[in-house]
Amino acid sequence: MTPLIHSILKDFSSAMISTLIEGGAELDQRDRNGMSSLHHCVSEGKLESLSFLLEKGADPNIRDLDGVTCINLAKSSHGMYEFVELLLKYGADPTIKDKHGKTYLM
């Protein structure tokens, strides 16, 4: 697990996360499952952290090892409309297919 992902999962402040980023933490670095910090924000329901990372330039279309994007992950969880809306605002592409050929729109 990367220090950035660990900080998000432990609910560290935006200031701490910003310090990690300024110190060279890669926004789009993935863990051993291919999940990025954005994937973890969505899977853990951390909207504020998701917004912060997107504002800092994290890639809204990054895929995990199965080709799943954050918008696809948000779709599979109920009550994630705000996450989907935010991801779309920052350029998430709902037409990207995962390794099974599924998109957000399917």
PDB file of N, CA and C in Angstrom:
ATOM      1  N   MET A   1       0.852  -1.174   0.000  1.00  0.00           N
ATOM      2  CA  MET A   1       0.000   0.000   0.000  1.00  0.00           C
ATOM      3  C   MET A   1       0.901   1.241   0.000  1.00  0.00           C
ATOM      4  N   THR A   2       0.579   2.190  -0.842  1.00  0.00           N
ATOM      5  CA  THR A   2       1.390   3.401  -0.929  1.00  0.00           C
ATOM      6  C   THR A   2       1.103   4.316   0.262  1.00  0.00           C
ATOM      7  N   PRO A   3       2.035   5.208   0.606  1.00  0.00           N
ATOM      8  CA  PRO A   3       1.785   6.151   1.699  1.00  0.00           C
ATOM      9  C   PRO A   3       0.551   7.023   1.442  1.00  0.00           C
ATOM     10  N   LEU A   4       0.324   7.395   0.187  1.00  0.00           N
ATOM     11  CA  LEU A   4      -0.835   8.223  -0.132  1.00  0.00           C
ATOM     12  C   LEU A   4      -2.132   7.454   0.115  1.00  0.00           C
ATOM     13  N   ILE A   5      -2.206   6.232  -0.342  1.00  0.00           N
ATOM     14  CA  ILE A   5      -3.403   5.415  -0.122  1.00  0.00           C
ATOM     15  C   ILE A   5      -3.600   5.177   1.372  1.00  0.00           C
ATOM     16  N   HIS A   6      -2.529   4.885   2.084  1.00  0.00           N
ATOM     17  CA  HIS A   6      -2.612   4.684   3.533  1.00  0.00           C
ATOM     18  C   HIS A   6      -3.180   5.928   4.219  1.00  0.00           C
ATOM     19  N   SER A   7      -2.715   7.101   3.819  1.00  0.00           N
ATOM     20  CA  SER A   7      -3.186   8.358   4.409  1.00  0.00           C
ATOM     21  C   SER A   7      -4.670   8.574   4.168  1.00  0.00           C
ATOM     22  N   ILE A   8      -5.133   8.214   2.983  1.00  0.00           N
ATOM     23  CA  ILE A   8      -6.555   8.364   2.659  1.00  0.00           C
ATOM     24  C   ILE A   8      -7.388   7.402   3.493  1.00  0.00           C
ATOM     25  N   LEU A   9      -6.957   6.168   3.593  1.00  0.00           N
ATOM     26  CA  LEU A   9      -7.713   5.166   4.344  1.00  0.00           C
ATOM     27  C   LEU A   9      -7.747   5.469   5.836  1.00  0.00           C
ATOM     28  N   LYS A  10      -6.725   6.141   6.340  1.00  0.00           N
ATOM     29  CA  LYS A  10      -6.664   6.478   7.764  1.00  0.00           C
ATOM     30  C   LYS A  10      -7.270   7.850   8.063  1.00  0.00           C
ATOM     31  N   ASP A  11      -7.908   8.458   7.059  1.00  0.00           N
ATOM     32  CA  ASP A  11      -8.568   9.761   7.229  1.00  0.00           C
ATOM     33  C   ASP A  11      -7.623  10.871   7.673  1.00  0.00           C
ATOM     34  N   PHE A  12      -6.412  10.866   7.148  1.00  0.00           N
ATOM     35  CA  PHE A  12      -5.508  11.959   7.453  1.00  0.00           C
ATOM     36  C   PHE A  12      -6.045  13.231   6.810  1.00  0.00           C
ATOM     37  N   SER A  13      -5.631  14.363   7.314  1.00  0.00           N
ATOM     38  CA  SER A  13      -6.122  15.651   6.829  1.00  0.00           C
ATOM     39  C   SER A  13      -5.653  15.926   5.403  1.00  0.00           C
ATOM     40  N   SER A  14      -6.358  16.850   4.763  1.00  0.00           N
ATOM     41  CA  SER A  14      -5.962  17.281   3.418  1.00  0.00           C
ATOM     42  C   SER A  14      -4.560  17.881   3.447  1.00  0.00           C
ATOM     43  N   ALA A  15      -4.219  18.538   4.564  1.00  0.00           N
ATOM     44  CA  ALA A  15      -2.888  19.137   4.689  1.00  0.00           C
ATOM     45  C   ALA A  15      -1.809  18.054   4.661  1.00  0.00           C
ATOM     46  N   MET A  16      -2.051  16.951   5.341  1.00  0.00           N
ATOM     47  CA  MET A  16      -1.087  15.844   5.361  1.00  0.00           C
ATOM     48  C   MET A  16      -0.963  15.222   3.973  1.00  0.00           C
ATOM     49  N   ILE A  17      -2.097  15.014   3.325  1.00  0.00           N
ATOM     50  CA  ILE A  17      -2.091  14.434   1.981  1.00  0.00           C
ATOM     51  C   ILE A  17      -1.378  15.379   1.013  1.00  0.00           C
ATOM     52  N   SER A  18      -1.627  16.673   1.162  1.00  0.00           N
ATOM     53  CA  SER A  18      -0.975  17.673   0.322  1.00  0.00           C
ATOM     54  C   SER A  18       0.540  17.648   0.530  1.00  0.00           C
ATOM     55  N   THR A  19       0.967  17.473   1.779  1.00  0.00           N
ATOM     56  CA  THR A  19       2.397  17.384   2.084  1.00  0.00           C
ATOM     57  C   THR A  19       3.023  16.183   1.381  1.00  0.00           C
ATOM     58  N   LEU A  20       2.323  15.061   1.386  1.00  0.00           N
ATOM     59  CA  LEU A  20       2.822  13.870   0.684  1.00  0.00           C
ATOM     60  C   LEU A  20       2.963  14.139  -0.813  1.00  0.00           C
ATOM     61  N   ILE A  21       1.956  14.796  -1.388  1.00  0.00           N
ATOM     62  CA  ILE A  21       1.978  15.095  -2.822  1.00  0.00           C
ATOM     63  C   ILE A  21       3.124  16.052  -3.146  1.00  0.00           C
ATOM     64  N   GLU A  22       3.260  17.101  -2.333  1.00  0.00           N
ATOM     65  CA  GLU A  22       4.349  18.059  -2.545  1.00  0.00           C
ATOM     66  C   GLU A  22       5.712  17.394  -2.374  1.00  0.00           C
ATOM     67  N   GLY A  23       5.764  16.355  -1.553  1.00  0.00           N
ATOM     68  CA  GLY A  23       7.004  15.616  -1.333  1.00  0.00           C
ATOM     69  C   GLY A  23       7.301  14.581  -2.408  1.00  0.00           C
ATOM     70  N   GLY A  24       6.426  14.480  -3.393  1.00  0.00           N
ATOM     71  CA  GLY A  24       6.687  13.591  -4.518  1.00  0.00           C
ATOM     72  C   GLY A  24       5.804  12.366  -4.625  1.00  0.00           C
ATOM     73  N   ALA A  25       4.815  12.226  -3.745  1.00  0.00           N
ATOM     74  CA  ALA A  25       3.904  11.075  -3.856  1.00  0.00           C
ATOM     75  C   ALA A  25       3.171  11.145  -5.191  1.00  0.00           C
ATOM     76  N   GLU A  26       3.145  10.034  -5.891  1.00  0.00           N
ATOM     77  CA  GLU A  26       2.475   9.982  -7.189  1.00  0.00           C
ATOM     78  C   GLU A  26       0.971   9.835  -6.994  1.00  0.00           C
ATOM     79  N   LEU A  27       0.221  10.738  -7.597  1.00  0.00           N
ATOM     80  CA  LEU A  27      -1.237  10.710  -7.468  1.00  0.00           C
ATOM     81  C   LEU A  27      -1.840   9.429  -8.019  1.00  0.00           C
ATOM     82  N   ASP A  28      -1.273   8.918  -9.084  1.00  0.00           N
ATOM     83  CA  ASP A  28      -1.871   7.775  -9.773  1.00  0.00           C
ATOM     84  C   ASP A  28      -1.136   6.455  -9.522  1.00  0.00           C
ATOM     85  N   GLN A  29      -0.281   6.421  -8.525  1.00  0.00           N
ATOM     86  CA  GLN A  29       0.404   5.168  -8.191  1.00  0.00           C
ATOM     87  C   GLN A  29      -0.625   4.156  -7.690  1.00  0.00           C
ATOM     88  N   ARG A  30      -0.424   2.910  -8.068  1.00  0.00           N
ATOM     89  CA  ARG A  30      -1.389   1.858  -7.712  1.00  0.00           C
ATOM     90  C   ARG A  30      -0.809   0.897  -6.688  1.00  0.00           C
ATOM     91  N   ASP A  31      -1.716   0.231  -5.978  1.00  0.00           N
ATOM     92  CA  ASP A  31      -1.290  -0.805  -5.039  1.00  0.00           C
ATOM     93  C   ASP A  31      -1.127  -2.126  -5.790  1.00  0.00           C
ATOM     94  N   ARG A  32      -0.855  -3.198  -5.089  1.00  0.00           N
ATOM     95  CA  ARG A  32      -0.599  -4.490  -5.754  1.00  0.00           C
ATOM     96  C   ARG A  32      -1.814  -5.042  -6.485  1.00  0.00           C
ATOM     97  N   ASN A  33      -3.016  -4.521  -6.177  1.00  0.00           N
ATOM     98  CA  ASN A  33      -4.233  -4.932  -6.884  1.00  0.00           C
ATOM     99  C   ASN A  33      -4.555  -4.005  -8.050  1.00  0.00           C
ATOM    100  N   GLY A  34      -3.666  -3.047  -8.276  1.00  0.00           N
ATOM    101  CA  GLY A  34      -3.874  -2.108  -9.367  1.00  0.00           C
ATOM    102  C   GLY A  34      -4.810  -0.970  -9.020  1.00  0.00           C
ATOM    103  N   MET A  35      -5.206  -0.888  -7.751  1.00  0.00           N
ATOM    104  CA  MET A  35      -6.123   0.182  -7.345  1.00  0.00           C
ATOM    105  C   MET A  35      -5.339   1.443  -7.000  1.00  0.00           C
ATOM    106  N   SER A  36      -5.805   2.555  -7.533  1.00  0.00           N
ATOM    107  CA  SER A  36      -5.182   3.847  -7.272  1.00  0.00           C
ATOM    108  C   SER A  36      -5.797   4.472  -6.020  1.00  0.00           C
ATOM    109  N   SER A  37      -5.259   5.613  -5.644  1.00  0.00           N
ATOM    110  CA  SER A  37      -5.833   6.340  -4.506  1.00  0.00           C
ATOM    111  C   SER A  37      -7.287   6.713  -4.795  1.00  0.00           C
ATOM    112  N   LEU A  38      -7.604   7.027  -6.055  1.00  0.00           N
ATOM    113  CA  LEU A  38      -8.995   7.354  -6.402  1.00  0.00           C
ATOM    114  C   LEU A  38      -9.907   6.141  -6.233  1.00  0.00           C
ATOM    115  N   HIS A  39      -9.448   4.974  -6.650  1.00  0.00           N
ATOM    116  CA  HIS A  39     -10.246   3.754  -6.462  1.00  0.00           C
ATOM    117  C   HIS A  39     -10.566   3.556  -4.981  1.00  0.00           C
ATOM    118  N   HIS A  40      -9.561   3.765  -4.138  1.00  0.00           N
ATOM    119  CA  HIS A  40      -9.771   3.588  -2.699  1.00  0.00           C
ATOM    120  C   HIS A  40     -10.736   4.639  -2.146  1.00  0.00           C
ATOM    121  N   CYS A  41     -10.665   5.862  -2.648  1.00  0.00           N
ATOM    122  CA  CYS A  41     -11.619   6.894  -2.210  1.00  0.00           C
ATOM    123  C   CYS A  41     -13.049   6.459  -2.517  1.00  0.00           C
ATOM    124  N   VAL A  42     -13.260   5.939  -3.712  1.00  0.00           N
ATOM    125  CA  VAL A  42     -14.602   5.500  -4.107  1.00  0.00           C
ATOM    126  C   VAL A  42     -15.027   4.290  -3.288  1.00  0.00           C
ATOM    127  N   SER A  43     -14.165   3.294  -3.180  1.00  0.00           N
ATOM    128  CA  SER A  43     -14.559   2.062  -2.485  1.00  0.00           C
ATOM    129  C   SER A  43     -14.788   2.286  -0.995  1.00  0.00           C
ATOM    130  N   GLU A  44     -14.138   3.299  -0.420  1.00  0.00           N
ATOM    131  CA  GLU A  44     -14.301   3.591   1.009  1.00  0.00           C
ATOM    132  C   GLU A  44     -15.277   4.735   1.272  1.00  0.00           C
ATOM    133  N   GLY A  45     -15.869   5.297   0.204  1.00  0.00           N
ATOM    134  CA  GLY A  45     -16.855   6.362   0.372  1.00  0.00           C
ATOM    135  C   GLY A  45     -16.271   7.683   0.844  1.00  0.00           C
ATOM    136  N   LYS A  46     -15.081   8.024   0.397  1.00  0.00           N
ATOM    137  CA  LYS A  46     -14.391   9.235   0.840  1.00  0.00           C
ATOM    138  C   LYS A  46     -14.476  10.316  -0.244  1.00  0.00           C
ATOM    139  N   LEU A  47     -15.626  10.973  -0.274  1.00  0.00           N
ATOM    140  CA  LEU A  47     -15.905  11.975  -1.303  1.00  0.00           C
ATOM    141  C   LEU A  47     -14.966  13.175  -1.205  1.00  0.00           C
ATOM    142  N   GLU A  48     -14.705  13.648  -0.002  1.00  0.00           N
ATOM    143  CA  GLU A  48     -13.833  14.811   0.167  1.00  0.00           C
ATOM    144  C   GLU A  48     -12.416  14.517  -0.334  1.00  0.00           C
ATOM    145  N   SER A  49     -11.905  13.353  -0.014  1.00  0.00           N
ATOM    146  CA  SER A  49     -10.565  12.973  -0.490  1.00  0.00           C
ATOM    147  C   SER A  49     -10.551  12.805  -2.002  1.00  0.00           C
ATOM    148  N   LEU A  50     -11.618  12.240  -2.552  1.00  0.00           N
ATOM    149  CA  LEU A  50     -11.733  12.089  -4.003  1.00  0.00           C
ATOM    150  C   LEU A  50     -11.669  13.453  -4.673  1.00  0.00           C
ATOM    151  N   SER A  51     -12.436  14.392  -4.169  1.00  0.00           N
ATOM    152  CA  SER A  51     -12.460  15.741  -4.721  1.00  0.00           C
ATOM    153  C   SER A  51     -11.075  16.388  -4.639  1.00  0.00           C
ATOM    154  N   PHE A  52     -10.431  16.256  -3.500  1.00  0.00           N
ATOM    155  CA  PHE A  52      -9.108  16.839  -3.292  1.00  0.00           C
ATOM    156  C   PHE A  52      -8.095  16.288  -4.298  1.00  0.00           C
ATOM    157  N   LEU A  53      -8.076  14.975  -4.465  1.00  0.00           N
ATOM    158  CA  LEU A  53      -7.119  14.355  -5.389  1.00  0.00           C
ATOM    159  C   LEU A  53      -7.406  14.717  -6.841  1.00  0.00           C
ATOM    160  N   LEU A  54      -8.678  14.799  -7.202  1.00  0.00           N
ATOM    161  CA  LEU A  54      -9.024  15.217  -8.562  1.00  0.00           C
ATOM    162  C   LEU A  54      -8.585  16.660  -8.806  1.00  0.00           C
ATOM    163  N   GLU A  55      -8.774  17.518  -7.814  1.00  0.00           N
ATOM    164  CA  GLU A  55      -8.328  18.912  -7.929  1.00  0.00           C
ATOM    165  C   GLU A  55      -6.814  18.991  -8.114  1.00  0.00           C
ATOM    166  N   LYS A  56      -6.093  18.064  -7.495  1.00  0.00           N
ATOM    167  CA  LYS A  56      -4.627  18.039  -7.596  1.00  0.00           C
ATOM    168  C   LYS A  56      -4.141  17.416  -8.902  1.00  0.00           C
ATOM    169  N   GLY A  57      -5.066  16.844  -9.690  1.00  0.00           N
ATOM    170  CA  GLY A  57      -4.692  16.327 -11.002  1.00  0.00           C
ATOM    171  C   GLY A  57      -4.677  14.820 -11.164  1.00  0.00           C
ATOM    172  N   ALA A  58      -5.238  14.085 -10.212  1.00  0.00           N
ATOM    173  CA  ALA A  58      -5.299  12.625 -10.359  1.00  0.00           C
ATOM    174  C   ALA A  58      -6.134  12.265 -11.591  1.00  0.00           C
ATOM    175  N   ASP A  59      -5.776  11.186 -12.238  1.00  0.00           N
ATOM    176  CA  ASP A  59      -6.430  10.741 -13.474  1.00  0.00           C
ATOM    177  C   ASP A  59      -7.775  10.074 -13.169  1.00  0.00           C
ATOM    178  N   PRO A  60      -8.897  10.692 -13.573  1.00  0.00           N
ATOM    179  CA  PRO A  60     -10.211  10.109 -13.285  1.00  0.00           C
ATOM    180  C   PRO A  60     -10.505   8.841 -14.089  1.00  0.00           C
ATOM    181  N   ASN A  61      -9.661   8.538 -15.078  1.00  0.00           N
ATOM    182  CA  ASN A  61      -9.881   7.362 -15.925  1.00  0.00           C
ATOM    183  C   ASN A  61      -8.894   6.227 -15.653  1.00  0.00           C
ATOM    184  N   ILE A  62      -8.154   6.315 -14.573  1.00  0.00           N
ATOM    185  CA  ILE A  62      -7.192   5.259 -14.249  1.00  0.00           C
ATOM    186  C   ILE A  62      -7.934   3.945 -14.003  1.00  0.00           C
ATOM    187  N   ARG A  63      -7.314   2.853 -14.452  1.00  0.00           N
ATOM    188  CA  ARG A  63      -7.945   1.531 -14.341  1.00  0.00           C
ATOM    189  C   ARG A  63      -7.181   0.652 -13.358  1.00  0.00           C
ATOM    190  N   ASP A  64      -7.909  -0.275 -12.732  1.00  0.00           N
ATOM    191  CA  ASP A  64      -7.247  -1.276 -11.894  1.00  0.00           C
ATOM    192  C   ASP A  64      -6.824  -2.454 -12.770  1.00  0.00           C
ATOM    193  N   LEU A  65      -6.374  -3.533 -12.170  1.00  0.00           N
ATOM    194  CA  LEU A  65      -5.889  -4.679 -12.951  1.00  0.00           C
ATOM    195  C   LEU A  65      -6.970  -5.324 -13.811  1.00  0.00           C
ATOM    196  N   ASP A  66      -8.240  -5.136 -13.441  1.00  0.00           N
ATOM    197  CA  ASP A  66      -9.357  -5.678 -14.222  1.00  0.00           C
ATOM    198  C   ASP A  66      -9.911  -4.666 -15.221  1.00  0.00           C
ATOM    199  N   GLY A  67      -9.248  -3.513 -15.336  1.00  0.00           N
ATOM    200  CA  GLY A  67      -9.705  -2.488 -16.263  1.00  0.00           C
ATOM    201  C   GLY A  67     -10.842  -1.643 -15.721  1.00  0.00           C
ATOM    202  N   VAL A  68     -11.145  -1.792 -14.432  1.00  0.00           N
ATOM    203  CA  VAL A  68     -12.260  -1.064 -13.824  1.00  0.00           C
ATOM    204  C   VAL A  68     -11.824   0.360 -13.497  1.00  0.00           C
ATOM    205  N   THR A  69     -12.607   1.318 -13.969  1.00  0.00           N
ATOM    206  CA  THR A  69     -12.353   2.719 -13.652  1.00  0.00           C
ATOM    207  C   THR A  69     -13.120   3.093 -12.386  1.00  0.00           C
ATOM    208  N   CYS A  70     -12.816   4.256 -11.870  1.00  0.00           N
ATOM    209  CA  CYS A  70     -13.488   4.712 -10.645  1.00  0.00           C
ATOM    210  C   CYS A  70     -14.979   4.928 -10.868  1.00  0.00           C
ATOM    211  N   ILE A  71     -15.350   5.371 -12.049  1.00  0.00           N
ATOM    212  CA  ILE A  71     -16.769   5.597 -12.325  1.00  0.00           C
ATOM    213  C   ILE A  71     -17.512   4.260 -12.381  1.00  0.00           C
ATOM    214  N   ASN A  72     -16.865   3.223 -12.907  1.00  0.00           N
ATOM    215  CA  ASN A  72     -17.482   1.887 -12.896  1.00  0.00           C
ATOM    216  C   ASN A  72     -17.613   1.374 -11.469  1.00  0.00           C
ATOM    217  N   LEU A  73     -16.612   1.628 -10.660  1.00  0.00           N
ATOM    218  CA  LEU A  73     -16.634   1.214  -9.261  1.00  0.00           C
ATOM    219  C   LEU A  73     -17.752   1.936  -8.505  1.00  0.00           C
ATOM    220  N   ALA A  74     -17.919   3.218  -8.779  1.00  0.00           N
ATOM    221  CA  ALA A  74     -18.986   3.989  -8.129  1.00  0.00           C
ATOM    222  C   ALA A  74     -20.359   3.476  -8.537  1.00  0.00           C
ATOM    223  N   LYS A  75     -20.485   3.067  -9.783  1.00  0.00           N
ATOM    224  CA  LYS A  75     -21.770   2.548 -10.263  1.00  0.00           C
ATOM    225  C   LYS A  75     -22.158   1.279  -9.518  1.00  0.00           C
ATOM    226  N   SER A  76     -21.169   0.452  -9.195  1.00  0.00           N
ATOM    227  CA  SER A  76     -21.472  -0.824  -8.553  1.00  0.00           C
ATOM    228  C   SER A  76     -21.846  -0.666  -7.082  1.00  0.00           C
ATOM    229  N   SER A  77     -21.656   0.524  -6.537  1.00  0.00           N
ATOM    230  CA  SER A  77     -22.027   0.798  -5.148  1.00  0.00           C
ATOM    231  C   SER A  77     -23.257   1.695  -5.126  1.00  0.00           C
ATOM    232  N   HIS A  78     -24.193   1.386  -4.274  1.00  0.00           N
ATOM    233  CA  HIS A  78     -25.407   2.197  -4.187  1.00  0.00           C
ATOM    234  C   HIS A  78     -25.117   3.511  -3.460  1.00  0.00           C
ATOM    235  N   GLY A  79     -25.837   4.566  -3.849  1.00  0.00           N
ATOM    236  CA  GLY A  79     -25.694   5.858  -3.191  1.00  0.00           C
ATOM    237  C   GLY A  79     -24.438   6.608  -3.561  1.00  0.00           C
ATOM    238  N   MET A  80     -23.881   6.342  -4.716  1.00  0.00           N
ATOM    239  CA  MET A  80     -22.627   6.968  -5.128  1.00  0.00           C
ATOM    240  C   MET A  80     -22.838   8.047  -6.193  1.00  0.00           C
ATOM    241  N   TYR A  81     -24.037   8.585  -6.291  1.00  0.00           N
ATOM    242  CA  TYR A  81     -24.323   9.576  -7.329  1.00  0.00           C
ATOM    243  C   TYR A  81     -23.353  10.755  -7.255  1.00  0.00           C
ATOM    244  N   GLU A  82     -23.060  11.222  -6.042  1.00  0.00           N
ATOM    245  CA  GLU A  82     -22.156  12.366  -5.892  1.00  0.00           C
ATOM    246  C   GLU A  82     -20.758  12.038  -6.417  1.00  0.00           C
ATOM    247  N   PHE A  83     -20.343  10.797  -6.234  1.00  0.00           N
ATOM    248  CA  PHE A  83     -19.030  10.368  -6.717  1.00  0.00           C
ATOM    249  C   PHE A  83     -19.009  10.370  -8.247  1.00  0.00           C
ATOM    250  N   VAL A  84     -20.054   9.826  -8.845  1.00  0.00           N
ATOM    251  CA  VAL A  84     -20.154   9.785 -10.305  1.00  0.00           C
ATOM    252  C   VAL A  84     -20.165  11.202 -10.868  1.00  0.00           C
ATOM    253  N   GLU A  85     -20.959  12.062 -10.274  1.00  0.00           N
ATOM    254  CA  GLU A  85     -21.055  13.452 -10.727  1.00  0.00           C
ATOM    255  C   GLU A  85     -19.686  14.141 -10.662  1.00  0.00           C
ATOM    256  N   LEU A  86     -18.976  13.952  -9.574  1.00  0.00           N
ATOM    257  CA  LEU A  86     -17.656  14.563  -9.408  1.00  0.00           C
ATOM    258  C   LEU A  86     -16.657  14.006 -10.421  1.00  0.00           C
ATOM    259  N   LEU A  87     -16.653  12.708 -10.597  1.00  0.00           N
ATOM    260  CA  LEU A  87     -15.748  12.094 -11.572  1.00  0.00           C
ATOM    261  C   LEU A  87     -16.027  12.601 -12.983  1.00  0.00           C
ATOM    262  N   LEU A  88     -17.294  12.717 -13.343  1.00  0.00           N
ATOM    263  CA  LEU A  88     -17.651  13.250 -14.663  1.00  0.00           C
ATOM    264  C   LEU A  88     -17.181  14.694 -14.811  1.00  0.00           C
ATOM    265  N   LYS A  89     -17.326  15.478 -13.764  1.00  0.00           N
ATOM    266  CA  LYS A  89     -16.890  16.881 -13.784  1.00  0.00           C
ATOM    267  C   LYS A  89     -15.398  16.989 -14.108  1.00  0.00           C
ATOM    268  N   TYR A  90     -14.620  16.035 -13.627  1.00  0.00           N
ATOM    269  CA  TYR A  90     -13.174  16.051 -13.851  1.00  0.00           C
ATOM    270  C   TYR A  90     -12.734  15.209 -15.041  1.00  0.00           C
ATOM    271  N   GLY A  91     -13.677  14.834 -15.890  1.00  0.00           N
ATOM    272  CA  GLY A  91     -13.322  14.201 -17.158  1.00  0.00           C
ATOM    273  C   GLY A  91     -13.385  12.696 -17.224  1.00  0.00           C
ATOM    274  N   ALA A  92     -14.022  12.051 -16.254  1.00  0.00           N
ATOM    275  CA  ALA A  92     -14.156  10.593 -16.329  1.00  0.00           C
ATOM    276  C   ALA A  92     -14.941  10.222 -17.584  1.00  0.00           C
ATOM    277  N   ASP A  93     -14.476   9.209 -18.275  1.00  0.00           N
ATOM    278  CA  ASP A  93     -15.104   8.755 -19.514  1.00  0.00           C
ATOM    279  C   ASP A  93     -15.995   7.541 -19.223  1.00  0.00           C
ATOM    280  N   PRO A  94     -17.315   7.707 -19.308  1.00  0.00           N
ATOM    281  CA  PRO A  94     -18.222   6.599 -18.995  1.00  0.00           C
ATOM    282  C   PRO A  94     -18.259   5.512 -20.067  1.00  0.00           C
ATOM    283  N   THR A  95     -17.518   5.700 -21.163  1.00  0.00           N
ATOM    284  CA  THR A  95     -17.531   4.699 -22.239  1.00  0.00           C
ATOM    285  C   THR A  95     -16.323   3.756 -22.199  1.00  0.00           C
ATOM    286  N   ILE A  96     -15.427   3.939 -21.232  1.00  0.00           N
ATOM    287  CA  ILE A  96     -14.262   3.051 -21.118  1.00  0.00           C
ATOM    288  C   ILE A  96     -14.729   1.670 -20.674  1.00  0.00           C
ATOM    289  N   LYS A  97     -14.264   0.653 -21.398  1.00  0.00           N
ATOM    290  CA  LYS A  97     -14.659  -0.726 -21.089  1.00  0.00           C
ATOM    291  C   LYS A  97     -13.663  -1.376 -20.130  1.00  0.00           C
ATOM    292  N   ASP A  98     -14.200  -2.202 -19.232  1.00  0.00           N
ATOM    293  CA  ASP A  98     -13.323  -3.004 -18.382  1.00  0.00           C
ATOM    294  C   ASP A  98     -12.911  -4.257 -19.153  1.00  0.00           C
ATOM    295  N   LYS A  99     -12.190  -5.166 -18.524  1.00  0.00           N
ATOM    296  CA  LYS A  99     -11.696  -6.339 -19.257  1.00  0.00           C
ATOM    297  C   LYS A  99     -12.815  -7.290 -19.678  1.00  0.00           C
ATOM    298  N   HIS A 100     -14.019  -7.078 -19.158  1.00  0.00           N
ATOM    299  CA  HIS A 100     -15.173  -7.892 -19.550  1.00  0.00           C
ATOM    300  C   HIS A 100     -16.043  -7.185 -20.594  1.00  0.00           C
ATOM    301  N   GLY A 101     -15.583  -6.014 -21.049  1.00  0.00           N
ATOM    302  CA  GLY A 101     -16.306  -5.271 -22.068  1.00  0.00           C
ATOM    303  C   GLY A 101     -17.438  -4.413 -21.538  1.00  0.00           C
ATOM    304  N   LYS A 102     -17.521  -4.238 -20.217  1.00  0.00           N
ATOM    305  CA  LYS A 102     -18.599  -3.442 -19.629  1.00  0.00           C
ATOM    306  C   LYS A 102     -18.154  -2.003 -19.418  1.00  0.00           C
ATOM    307  N   THR A 103     -19.105  -1.094 -19.614  1.00  0.00           N
ATOM    308  CA  THR A 103     -18.862   0.322 -19.378  1.00  0.00           C
ATOM    309  C   THR A 103     -19.803   0.806 -18.283  1.00  0.00           C
ATOM    310  N   TYR A 104     -19.601   2.043 -17.860  1.00  0.00           N
ATOM    311  CA  TYR A 104     -20.488   2.648 -16.867  1.00  0.00           C
ATOM    312  C   TYR A 104     -21.922   2.684 -17.380  1.00  0.00           C
ATOM    313  N   LEU A 105     -22.080   2.870 -18.677  1.00  0.00           N
ATOM    314  CA  LEU A 105     -23.404   3.040 -19.278  1.00  0.00           C
ATOM    315  C   LEU A 105     -24.169   1.731 -19.425  1.00  0.00           C
ATOM    316  N   MET A 106     -23.517   0.608 -19.206  1.00  0.00           N
ATOM    317  CA  MET A 106     -24.185  -0.693 -19.384  1.00  0.00           C
ATOM    318  C   MET A 106     -24.853  -1.137 -18.105  1.00  0.00           C
TER     319      MET A 106
END
